[in-house]
């Protein structure tokens, strides 16, 4: 199902609407844990996403490091005594994108950025998949991320990694003209069965894997 709004660019980080959290930050993390506060914010945000036809959740690259995590003081990176500790410096981030998102209305376009772990503490991965509201932003994604998305997290990371590395080795031998020393003529690495029945890999685990963004020439044939 195609999104009703164009996928947001990771370079377009200027706030379209005034800077405000979806819910007030907790007065003190000593009286209420960040996890509890993030879950509460997540409930509010998820309700709004579900009732807003134009709202979608994107995984996207984060190249500039300018965007701030909208979890506010409940951001898992936030330190009260340090400035700008909730800026998203990770390679990848979550963008919630759509019109009429709380607390704005009247067709205002809103974009909210989050660290992947902060967003996971707010809204469950399975809820995202089940809703059909989760997207990969435009761009070149590695095999591991694409297969994780395709199978809603139920993938064997070790098998995908082994396949990617076999592809890299095969291509290296092709480039040296020594393929027959490693593989039988005409034989290529195959991915085989890499899916799992139930166990779902968390997104942050996938993104931290060394092979998460590897794409090889023969990958698309599997």
C-alpha atoms as a PDB file:
ATOM      1  CA  UNK A   1       0.000   0.000   0.000  1.00  0.00           C
ATOM      2  CA  UNK A   2       1.562   3.301  -1.049  1.00  0.00           C
ATOM      3  CA  UNK A   3       1.802   6.209   1.372  1.00  0.00           C
ATOM      4  CA  UNK A   4      -0.566   9.093   0.757  1.00  0.00           C
ATOM      5  CA  UNK A   5       2.224  11.600   1.459  1.00  0.00           C
ATOM      6  CA  UNK A   6       5.653  11.673  -0.272  1.00  0.00           C
ATOM      7  CA  UNK A   7       8.411  10.032   1.732  1.00  0.00           C
ATOM      8  CA  UNK A   8      10.218  12.657   3.826  1.00  0.00           C
ATOM      9  CA  UNK A   9      13.768  13.534   2.921  1.00  0.00           C
ATOM     10  CA  UNK A  10      16.323  12.963   5.659  1.00  0.00           C
ATOM     11  CA  UNK A  11      17.895  16.303   4.649  1.00  0.00           C
ATOM     12  CA  UNK A  12      14.686  18.241   5.354  1.00  0.00           C
ATOM     13  CA  UNK A  13      15.014  18.637   9.083  1.00  0.00           C
ATOM     14  CA  UNK A  14      13.654  22.136   9.610  1.00  0.00           C
ATOM     15  CA  UNK A  15      10.598  21.909  11.823  1.00  0.00           C
ATOM     16  CA  UNK A  16       7.475  22.633   9.808  1.00  0.00           C
ATOM     17  CA  UNK A  17       5.422  23.205  12.919  1.00  0.00           C
ATOM     18  CA  UNK A  18       6.491  24.868  16.205  1.00  0.00           C
ATOM     19  CA  UNK A  19       8.819  22.828  18.363  1.00  0.00           C
ATOM     20  CA  UNK A  20       6.769  21.091  21.036  1.00  0.00           C
ATOM     21  CA  UNK A  21       6.514  17.619  22.461  1.00  0.00           C
ATOM     22  CA  UNK A  22       3.480  15.432  22.025  1.00  0.00           C
ATOM     23  CA  UNK A  23       3.157  15.377  25.777  1.00  0.00           C
ATOM     24  CA  UNK A  24       4.872  17.408  28.500  1.00  0.00           C
ATOM     25  CA  UNK A  25       8.191  15.932  29.599  1.00  0.00           C
ATOM     26  CA  UNK A  26       8.195  14.346  33.004  1.00  0.00           C
ATOM     27  CA  UNK A  27       9.031  16.738  35.773  1.00  0.00           C
ATOM     28  CA  UNK A  28      11.471  14.302  37.286  1.00  0.00           C
ATOM     29  CA  UNK A  29      12.753  10.955  36.122  1.00  0.00           C
ATOM     30  CA  UNK A  30      13.182  10.057  39.814  1.00  0.00           C
ATOM     31  CA  UNK A  31       9.397  10.046  40.345  1.00  0.00           C
ATOM     32  CA  UNK A  32       8.553   8.429  37.061  1.00  0.00           C
ATOM     33  CA  UNK A  33      10.920   6.295  35.057  1.00  0.00           C
ATOM     34  CA  UNK A  34      11.770   7.254  31.526  1.00  0.00           C
ATOM     35  CA  UNK A  35      10.389   3.952  30.330  1.00  0.00           C
ATOM     36  CA  UNK A  36       6.979   4.667  31.877  1.00  0.00           C
ATOM     37  CA  UNK A  37       6.924   8.199  30.500  1.00  0.00           C
ATOM     38  CA  UNK A  38       7.983   7.073  27.031  1.00  0.00           C
ATOM     39  CA  UNK A  39       5.250   4.431  27.056  1.00  0.00           C
ATOM     40  CA  UNK A  40       2.667   7.082  27.955  1.00  0.00           C
ATOM     41  CA  UNK A  41       3.874   9.390  25.187  1.00  0.00           C
ATOM     42  CA  UNK A  42       3.830   6.437  22.854  1.00  0.00           C
ATOM     43  CA  UNK A  43       0.176   5.709  23.602  1.00  0.00           C
ATOM     44  CA  UNK A  44      -0.785   9.268  22.701  1.00  0.00           C
ATOM     45  CA  UNK A  45       1.321   9.315  19.558  1.00  0.00           C
ATOM     46  CA  UNK A  46       0.157   5.888  18.395  1.00  0.00           C
ATOM     47  CA  UNK A  47      -3.487   6.827  18.808  1.00  0.00           C
ATOM     48  CA  UNK A  48      -2.929   9.914  16.665  1.00  0.00           C
ATOM     49  CA  UNK A  49      -0.975   8.012  14.003  1.00  0.00           C
ATOM     50  CA  UNK A  50      -3.716   5.393  13.706  1.00  0.00           C
ATOM     51  CA  UNK A  51      -6.494   7.933  13.318  1.00  0.00           C
ATOM     52  CA  UNK A  52      -4.571  10.109  10.829  1.00  0.00           C
ATOM     53  CA  UNK A  53      -4.727   8.720   7.288  1.00  0.00           C
ATOM     54  CA  UNK A  54      -1.695  10.701   6.145  1.00  0.00           C
ATOM     55  CA  UNK A  55       0.537   9.668   9.062  1.00  0.00           C
ATOM     56  CA  UNK A  56       3.308   7.132   8.524  1.00  0.00           C
ATOM     57  CA  UNK A  57       6.411   6.017  10.407  1.00  0.00           C
ATOM     58  CA  UNK A  58       9.645   5.918   8.414  1.00  0.00           C
ATOM     59  CA  UNK A  59      13.049   4.421   9.045  1.00  0.00           C
ATOM     60  CA  UNK A  60      15.552   6.735   7.413  1.00  0.00           C
ATOM     61  CA  UNK A  61      19.204   7.692   7.290  1.00  0.00           C
ATOM     62  CA  UNK A  62      20.347  10.465   9.623  1.00  0.00           C
ATOM     63  CA  UNK A  63      23.288  12.174   7.983  1.00  0.00           C
ATOM     64  CA  UNK A  64      23.421  15.649   9.476  1.00  0.00           C
ATOM     65  CA  UNK A  65      22.884  15.025  13.185  1.00  0.00           C
ATOM     66  CA  UNK A  66      20.841  18.232  13.476  1.00  0.00           C
ATOM     67  CA  UNK A  67      17.465  16.730  14.367  1.00  0.00           C
ATOM     68  CA  UNK A  68      16.449  16.425  18.008  1.00  0.00           C
ATOM     69  CA  UNK A  69      14.733  13.392  19.479  1.00  0.00           C
ATOM     70  CA  UNK A  70      11.145  14.381  20.240  1.00  0.00           C
ATOM     71  CA  UNK A  71      11.087  12.197  23.315  1.00  0.00           C
ATOM     72  CA  UNK A  72      12.336  15.354  25.043  1.00  0.00           C
ATOM     73  CA  UNK A  73      13.661  14.905  28.559  1.00  0.00           C
ATOM     74  CA  UNK A  74      12.635  11.260  28.420  1.00  0.00           C
ATOM     75  CA  UNK A  75      15.044  10.643  25.534  1.00  0.00           C
ATOM     76  CA  UNK A  76      17.350   7.779  26.489  1.00  0.00           C
ATOM     77  CA  UNK A  77      20.323  10.017  25.588  1.00  0.00           C
ATOM     78  CA  UNK A  78      19.145  13.070  27.519  1.00  0.00           C
ATOM     79  CA  UNK A  79      21.304  14.407  30.362  1.00  0.00           C
ATOM     80  CA  UNK A  80      19.952  17.463  32.249  1.00  0.00           C
ATOM     81  CA  UNK A  81      23.383  18.991  32.807  1.00  0.00           C
ATOM     82  CA  UNK A  82      24.527  18.677  29.193  1.00  0.00           C
ATOM     83  CA  UNK A  83      23.364  20.730  26.215  1.00  0.00           C
ATOM     84  CA  UNK A  84      21.821  19.119  23.142  1.00  0.00           C
ATOM     85  CA  UNK A  85      22.302  15.568  24.381  1.00  0.00           C
ATOM     86  CA  UNK A  86      19.093  14.484  22.659  1.00  0.00           C
ATOM     87  CA  UNK A  87      20.360  15.338  19.165  1.00  0.00           C
ATOM     88  CA  UNK A  88      20.208  12.255  16.958  1.00  0.00           C
ATOM     89  CA  UNK A  89      23.794  11.333  16.127  1.00  0.00           C
ATOM     90  CA  UNK A  90      23.038   7.720  15.162  1.00  0.00           C
ATOM     91  CA  UNK A  91      23.258   6.639  11.516  1.00  0.00           C
ATOM     92  CA  UNK A  92      19.536   5.878  11.378  1.00  0.00           C
ATOM     93  CA  UNK A  93      16.473   7.355  12.988  1.00  0.00           C
ATOM     94  CA  UNK A  94      12.679   7.192  13.033  1.00  0.00           C
ATOM     95  CA  UNK A  95      10.585   9.909  11.390  1.00  0.00           C
ATOM     96  CA  UNK A  96       6.859  10.241  12.103  1.00  0.00           C
ATOM     97  CA  UNK A  97       5.424  12.176   9.194  1.00  0.00           C
ATOM     98  CA  UNK A  98       1.956  13.399   8.321  1.00  0.00           C
ATOM     99  CA  UNK A  99      -0.603  16.194   8.416  1.00  0.00           C
ATOM    100  CA  UNK A 100      -2.807  17.163  11.357  1.00  0.00           C
ATOM    101  CA  UNK A 101      -0.664  15.346  13.899  1.00  0.00           C
ATOM    102  CA  UNK A 102      -1.183  16.369  17.532  1.00  0.00           C
ATOM    103  CA  UNK A 103      -1.086  19.129  18.679  1.00  0.00           C
ATOM    104  CA  UNK A 104      -1.395  20.799  15.274  1.00  0.00           C
ATOM    105  CA  UNK A 105      -4.357  20.860  12.912  1.00  0.00           C
ATOM    106  CA  UNK A 106      -5.670  22.634   9.848  1.00  0.00           C
ATOM    107  CA  UNK A 107      -3.556  20.643   7.413  1.00  0.00           C
ATOM    108  CA  UNK A 108      -0.184  21.499   8.991  1.00  0.00           C
ATOM    109  CA  UNK A 109       2.562  19.081   7.985  1.00  0.00           C
ATOM    110  CA  UNK A 110       4.395  17.637  10.994  1.00  0.00           C
ATOM    111  CA  UNK A 111       7.629  15.692  11.270  1.00  0.00           C
ATOM    112  CA  UNK A 112       8.839  14.146  14.506  1.00  0.00           C
ATOM    113  CA  UNK A 113      12.260  12.524  14.773  1.00  0.00           C
ATOM    114  CA  UNK A 114      13.311   9.897  17.315  1.00  0.00           C
ATOM    115  CA  UNK A 115      16.235   7.705  18.217  1.00  0.00           C
ATOM    116  CA  UNK A 116      15.378   4.129  17.243  1.00  0.00           C
ATOM    117  CA  UNK A 117      15.626   2.854  20.872  1.00  0.00           C
ATOM    118  CA  UNK A 118      13.489   5.752  22.163  1.00  0.00           C
ATOM    119  CA  UNK A 119      10.773   5.037  19.623  1.00  0.00           C
ATOM    120  CA  UNK A 120      10.895   1.310  20.407  1.00  0.00           C
ATOM    121  CA  UNK A 121      10.218   2.221  24.043  1.00  0.00           C
ATOM    122  CA  UNK A 122       7.167   4.203  22.920  1.00  0.00           C
ATOM    123  CA  UNK A 123       5.522   1.977  20.301  1.00  0.00           C
ATOM    124  CA  UNK A 124       6.004  -1.752  19.844  1.00  0.00           C
ATOM    125  CA  UNK A 125       7.610  -3.045  16.675  1.00  0.00           C
ATOM    126  CA  UNK A 126       4.801  -5.535  16.116  1.00  0.00           C
ATOM    127  CA  UNK A 127       2.151  -2.822  16.363  1.00  0.00           C
ATOM    128  CA  UNK A 128       4.008  -0.907  13.660  1.00  0.00           C
ATOM    129  CA  UNK A 129       4.123  -3.889  11.337  1.00  0.00           C
ATOM    130  CA  UNK A 130       0.508  -4.883  11.974  1.00  0.00           C
ATOM    131  CA  UNK A 131      -0.752  -1.366  11.250  1.00  0.00           C
ATOM    132  CA  UNK A 132       0.713  -1.045   7.774  1.00  0.00           C
ATOM    133  CA  UNK A 133       1.960   2.393   8.819  1.00  0.00           C
ATOM    134  CA  UNK A 134       5.676   1.526   8.822  1.00  0.00           C
ATOM    135  CA  UNK A 135       7.859   2.317   5.802  1.00  0.00           C
ATOM    136  CA  UNK A 136      11.483   2.330   4.712  1.00  0.00           C
ATOM    137  CA  UNK A 137      12.356   5.761   3.331  1.00  0.00           C
ATOM    138  CA  UNK A 138      13.513   5.977  -0.267  1.00  0.00           C
ATOM    139  CA  UNK A 139      17.117   4.958  -0.724  1.00  0.00           C
ATOM    140  CA  UNK A 140      19.379   1.943  -1.002  1.00  0.00           C
ATOM    141  CA  UNK A 141      18.855  -0.443   1.896  1.00  0.00           C
ATOM    142  CA  UNK A 142      20.971  -3.506   2.585  1.00  0.00           C
ATOM    143  CA  UNK A 143      19.653  -7.029   2.166  1.00  0.00           C
ATOM    144  CA  UNK A 144      19.421  -7.616   5.907  1.00  0.00           C
ATOM    145  CA  UNK A 145      17.242  -4.549   6.510  1.00  0.00           C
ATOM    146  CA  UNK A 146      15.011  -5.297   3.515  1.00  0.00           C
ATOM    147  CA  UNK A 147      14.470  -8.915   4.533  1.00  0.00           C
ATOM    148  CA  UNK A 148      13.826  -7.829   8.139  1.00  0.00           C
ATOM    149  CA  UNK A 149      11.174  -5.415   6.867  1.00  0.00           C
ATOM    150  CA  UNK A 150       9.665  -7.916   4.415  1.00  0.00           C
ATOM    151  CA  UNK A 151       9.246 -10.603   7.096  1.00  0.00           C
ATOM    152  CA  UNK A 152       8.322  -8.260   9.950  1.00  0.00           C
ATOM    153  CA  UNK A 153      11.458  -8.938  11.925  1.00  0.00           C
ATOM    154  CA  UNK A 154      11.235 -12.738  11.804  1.00  0.00           C
ATOM    155  CA  UNK A 155      14.620 -13.422  10.211  1.00  0.00           C
ATOM    156  CA  UNK A 156      17.764 -15.340  11.116  1.00  0.00           C
ATOM    157  CA  UNK A 157      20.426 -12.637  11.113  1.00  0.00           C
ATOM    158  CA  UNK A 158      23.316 -15.116  11.156  1.00  0.00           C
ATOM    159  CA  UNK A 159      22.082 -16.858   7.995  1.00  0.00           C
ATOM    160  CA  UNK A 160      21.657 -13.592   6.121  1.00  0.00           C
ATOM    161  CA  UNK A 161      25.090 -12.438   7.257  1.00  0.00           C
ATOM    162  CA  UNK A 162      26.698 -15.715   6.136  1.00  0.00           C
ATOM    163  CA  UNK A 163      25.052 -15.368   2.728  1.00  0.00           C
ATOM    164  CA  UNK A 164      26.172 -11.745   2.296  1.00  0.00           C
ATOM    165  CA  UNK A 165      29.757 -12.678   3.162  1.00  0.00           C
ATOM    166  CA  UNK A 166      29.660 -15.632   0.756  1.00  0.00           C
ATOM    167  CA  UNK A 167      28.508 -13.243  -1.975  1.00  0.00           C
ATOM    168  CA  UNK A 168      31.353 -10.877  -1.194  1.00  0.00           C
ATOM    169  CA  UNK A 169      33.868 -13.718  -1.328  1.00  0.00           C
ATOM    170  CA  UNK A 170      32.422 -14.996  -4.612  1.00  0.00           C
ATOM    171  CA  UNK A 171      32.557 -11.559  -6.217  1.00  0.00           C
ATOM    172  CA  UNK A 172      36.136 -11.083  -5.028  1.00  0.00           C
ATOM    173  CA  UNK A 173      37.116 -14.379  -6.663  1.00  0.00           C
ATOM    174  CA  UNK A 174      35.285 -13.425  -9.854  1.00  0.00           C
ATOM    175  CA  UNK A 175      37.259 -10.194 -10.003  1.00  0.00           C
ATOM    176  CA  UNK A 176      40.508 -12.141  -9.635  1.00  0.00           C
ATOM    177  CA  UNK A 177      39.425 -14.727 -12.211  1.00  0.00           C
ATOM    178  CA  UNK A 178      39.792 -17.507  -9.644  1.00  0.00           C
ATOM    179  CA  UNK A 179      36.158 -18.478  -9.090  1.00  0.00           C
ATOM    180  CA  UNK A 180      36.649 -22.124 -10.056  1.00  0.00           C
ATOM    181  CA  UNK A 181      39.148 -22.575  -7.240  1.00  0.00           C
ATOM    182  CA  UNK A 182      36.417 -21.801  -4.703  1.00  0.00           C
ATOM    183  CA  UNK A 183      33.100 -22.706  -6.374  1.00  0.00           C
ATOM    184  CA  UNK A 184      32.059 -25.203  -9.001  1.00  0.00           C
ATOM    185  CA  UNK A 185      31.526 -23.591 -12.427  1.00  0.00           C
ATOM    186  CA  UNK A 186      28.153 -21.831 -12.541  1.00  0.00           C
ATOM    187  CA  UNK A 187      27.585 -22.240  -8.805  1.00  0.00           C
ATOM    188  CA  UNK A 188      26.547 -19.175  -6.811  1.00  0.00           C
ATOM    189  CA  UNK A 189      25.855 -18.654  -3.100  1.00  0.00           C
ATOM    190  CA  UNK A 190      22.193 -19.118  -2.162  1.00  0.00           C
ATOM    191  CA  UNK A 191      20.373 -17.616   0.773  1.00  0.00           C
ATOM    192  CA  UNK A 192      18.169 -20.594   1.576  1.00  0.00           C
ATOM    193  CA  UNK A 193      15.669 -20.507   4.434  1.00  0.00           C
ATOM    194  CA  UNK A 194      16.408 -17.522   6.657  1.00  0.00           C
ATOM    195  CA  UNK A 195      12.973 -16.883   8.204  1.00  0.00           C
ATOM    196  CA  UNK A 196      11.850 -17.611  11.752  1.00  0.00           C
ATOM    197  CA  UNK A 197       8.382 -18.641  12.886  1.00  0.00           C
ATOM    198  CA  UNK A 198       7.889 -16.187  15.709  1.00  0.00           C
ATOM    199  CA  UNK A 199      11.001 -14.670  17.263  1.00  0.00           C
ATOM    200  CA  UNK A 200      11.249 -11.076  16.045  1.00  0.00           C
ATOM    201  CA  UNK A 201      14.586  -9.284  15.783  1.00  0.00           C
ATOM    202  CA  UNK A 202      14.475  -5.756  17.160  1.00  0.00           C
ATOM    203  CA  UNK A 203      15.344  -3.062  14.644  1.00  0.00           C
ATOM    204  CA  UNK A 204      18.216  -1.659  16.669  1.00  0.00           C
ATOM    205  CA  UNK A 205      19.857  -5.102  16.697  1.00  0.00           C
ATOM    206  CA  UNK A 206      19.641  -5.247  12.893  1.00  0.00           C
ATOM    207  CA  UNK A 207      21.028  -1.733  12.463  1.00  0.00           C
ATOM    208  CA  UNK A 208      24.003  -2.468  14.730  1.00  0.00           C
ATOM    209  CA  UNK A 209      25.046  -5.527  12.701  1.00  0.00           C
ATOM    210  CA  UNK A 210      28.215  -5.157  10.620  1.00  0.00           C
ATOM    211  CA  UNK A 211      26.476  -6.499   7.509  1.00  0.00           C
ATOM    212  CA  UNK A 212      23.183  -4.613   7.825  1.00  0.00           C
ATOM    213  CA  UNK A 213      23.767  -2.398   4.790  1.00  0.00           C
ATOM    214  CA  UNK A 214      25.664  -4.816   2.561  1.00  0.00           C
ATOM    215  CA  UNK A 215      24.266  -5.116  -0.969  1.00  0.00           C
ATOM    216  CA  UNK A 216      25.910  -7.394  -3.538  1.00  0.00           C
ATOM    217  CA  UNK A 217      25.283  -7.939  -7.237  1.00  0.00           C
ATOM    218  CA  UNK A 218      23.762 -11.421  -6.866  1.00  0.00           C
ATOM    219  CA  UNK A 219      21.703 -10.599  -3.782  1.00  0.00           C
ATOM    220  CA  UNK A 220      18.626  -9.612  -5.775  1.00  0.00           C
ATOM    221  CA  UNK A 221      18.387 -13.123  -7.243  1.00  0.00           C
ATOM    222  CA  UNK A 222      17.501 -14.575  -3.834  1.00  0.00           C
END
